[in-house]
Amino acid sequence: MDIEFFEPAEAAALMRCTESWLRDGATSGKFPHACWGKGKIIFTSEHIREIARLSEILPGGAESKQSTEQPLTK
């Protein structure tokens, strides 16, 4: 099994975004994540890849719904 697990601060550092942006996306249901114990948010390496895809701006002006709401980095 090659899945890695990241706490929000670790995932934010890896993605070069704010922890609050990731937490807000997870709690609002916009970003995939896991919840362990009493609501502890955890991101897997697969979740991080999917969040990056959701935030992608595609050539020709086509962009994902997420990318119009807030940029991936600040």
C-alpha atoms as a PDB file:
ATOM      1  CA  MET A   1       0.000   0.000   0.000  1.00  0.00           C
ATOM      2  CA  ASP A   2       1.532   3.294  -1.139  1.00  0.00           C
ATOM      3  CA  ILE A   3      -0.953   5.761   0.340  1.00  0.00           C
ATOM      4  CA  GLU A   4       0.520   8.453   2.565  1.00  0.00           C
ATOM      5  CA  PHE A   5      -1.459  10.304   5.225  1.00  0.00           C
ATOM      6  CA  PHE A   6      -1.149  14.023   6.007  1.00  0.00           C
ATOM      7  CA  GLU A   7      -2.569  16.309   8.652  1.00  0.00           C
ATOM      8  CA  PRO A   8      -3.933  19.599   7.248  1.00  0.00           C
ATOM      9  CA  ALA A   9      -0.762  21.572   8.097  1.00  0.00           C
ATOM     10  CA  GLU A  10       1.426  18.970   6.371  1.00  0.00           C
ATOM     11  CA  ALA A  11      -0.819  18.852   3.295  1.00  0.00           C
ATOM     12  CA  ALA A  12      -0.888  22.664   3.109  1.00  0.00           C
ATOM     13  CA  ALA A  13       2.909  22.852   3.209  1.00  0.00           C
ATOM     14  CA  LEU A  14       3.132  20.226   0.474  1.00  0.00           C
ATOM     15  CA  MET A  15       0.576  22.033  -1.701  1.00  0.00           C
ATOM     16  CA  ARG A  16       1.913  25.523  -0.898  1.00  0.00           C
ATOM     17  CA  CYS A  17      -1.471  26.801   0.202  1.00  0.00           C
ATOM     18  CA  THR A  18      -2.967  27.790   3.524  1.00  0.00           C
ATOM     19  CA  GLU A  19      -4.132  25.253   6.052  1.00  0.00           C
ATOM     20  CA  SER A  20      -7.399  27.162   6.459  1.00  0.00           C
ATOM     21  CA  TRP A  21      -8.118  26.902   2.707  1.00  0.00           C
ATOM     22  CA  LEU A  22      -7.759  23.110   2.899  1.00  0.00           C
ATOM     23  CA  ARG A  23      -9.782  22.823   6.110  1.00  0.00           C
ATOM     24  CA  ASP A  24     -12.555  25.037   4.716  1.00  0.00           C
ATOM     25  CA  GLY A  25     -12.686  22.995   1.514  1.00  0.00           C
ATOM     26  CA  ALA A  26     -12.854  19.747   3.458  1.00  0.00           C
ATOM     27  CA  THR A  27     -15.495  20.855   5.967  1.00  0.00           C
ATOM     28  CA  SER A  28     -17.675  22.355   3.225  1.00  0.00           C
ATOM     29  CA  GLY A  29     -17.561  19.097   1.272  1.00  0.00           C
ATOM     30  CA  LYS A  30     -15.653  20.556  -1.698  1.00  0.00           C
ATOM     31  CA  PHE A  31     -12.442  18.590  -1.088  1.00  0.00           C
ATOM     32  CA  PRO A  32     -12.034  14.874  -0.512  1.00  0.00           C
ATOM     33  CA  HIS A  33     -10.657  13.914   2.891  1.00  0.00           C
ATOM     34  CA  ALA A  34     -10.922  11.356   5.665  1.00  0.00           C
ATOM     35  CA  CYS A  35     -12.203  11.978   9.169  1.00  0.00           C
ATOM     36  CA  TRP A  36     -10.665   9.984  12.015  1.00  0.00           C
ATOM     37  CA  GLY A  37     -11.683   9.871  15.630  1.00  0.00           C
ATOM     38  CA  LYS A  38     -13.632  12.910  16.761  1.00  0.00           C
ATOM     39  CA  GLY A  39     -13.595  14.767  13.447  1.00  0.00           C
ATOM     40  CA  LYS A  40      -9.834  14.903  12.820  1.00  0.00           C
ATOM     41  CA  ILE A  41      -9.313  15.794   9.154  1.00  0.00           C
ATOM     42  CA  ILE A  42      -6.743  13.695   7.304  1.00  0.00           C
ATOM     43  CA  PHE A  43      -5.705  13.953   3.656  1.00  0.00           C
ATOM     44  CA  THR A  44      -4.220  11.052   1.723  1.00  0.00           C
ATOM     45  CA  SER A  45      -1.831  11.415  -1.180  1.00  0.00           C
ATOM     46  CA  GLU A  46      -4.789  10.540  -3.446  1.00  0.00           C
ATOM     47  CA  HIS A  47      -6.908  13.303  -1.880  1.00  0.00           C
ATOM     48  CA  ILE A  48      -4.139  15.829  -2.525  1.00  0.00           C
ATOM     49  CA  ARG A  49      -3.914  14.775  -6.184  1.00  0.00           C
ATOM     50  CA  GLU A  50      -7.683  15.153  -6.560  1.00  0.00           C
ATOM     51  CA  ILE A  51      -7.681  18.599  -4.888  1.00  0.00           C
ATOM     52  CA  ALA A  52      -4.976  19.686  -7.338  1.00  0.00           C
ATOM     53  CA  ARG A  53      -7.105  18.414 -10.246  1.00  0.00           C
ATOM     54  CA  LEU A  54     -10.194  20.203  -8.912  1.00  0.00           C
ATOM     55  CA  SER A  55      -8.220  23.456  -8.721  1.00  0.00           C
ATOM     56  CA  GLU A  56      -6.699  23.148 -12.175  1.00  0.00           C
ATOM     57  CA  ILE A  57      -7.233  25.780 -14.856  1.00  0.00           C
ATOM     58  CA  LEU A  58      -7.372  24.122 -18.239  1.00  0.00           C
ATOM     59  CA  PRO A  59      -6.206  25.594 -21.597  1.00  0.00           C
ATOM     60  CA  GLY A  60      -8.786  27.475 -23.633  1.00  0.00           C
ATOM     61  CA  GLY A  61     -10.488  29.090 -20.673  1.00  0.00           C
ATOM     62  CA  ALA A  62     -12.111  25.905 -19.392  1.00  0.00           C
ATOM     63  CA  GLU A  63     -11.602  25.636 -15.661  1.00  0.00           C
ATOM     64  CA  SER A  64     -12.909  23.576 -12.822  1.00  0.00           C
ATOM     65  CA  LYS A  65     -15.637  24.854 -10.533  1.00  0.00           C
ATOM     66  CA  GLN A  66     -13.158  25.001  -7.645  1.00  0.00           C
ATOM     67  CA  SER A  67     -10.645  27.230  -9.437  1.00  0.00           C
ATOM     68  CA  THR A  68     -13.196  30.031  -9.852  1.00  0.00           C
ATOM     69  CA  GLU A  69     -13.840  30.125  -6.114  1.00  0.00           C
ATOM     70  CA  GLN A  70     -10.319  30.506  -4.713  1.00  0.00           C
ATOM     71  CA  PRO A  71      -6.808  29.979  -6.096  1.00  0.00           C
ATOM     72  CA  LEU A  72      -4.683  27.029  -5.000  1.00  0.00           C
ATOM     73  CA  THR A  73      -1.936  29.239  -3.600  1.00  0.00           C
ATOM     74  CA  LYS A  74      -1.816  32.639  -2.009  1.00  0.00           C
END
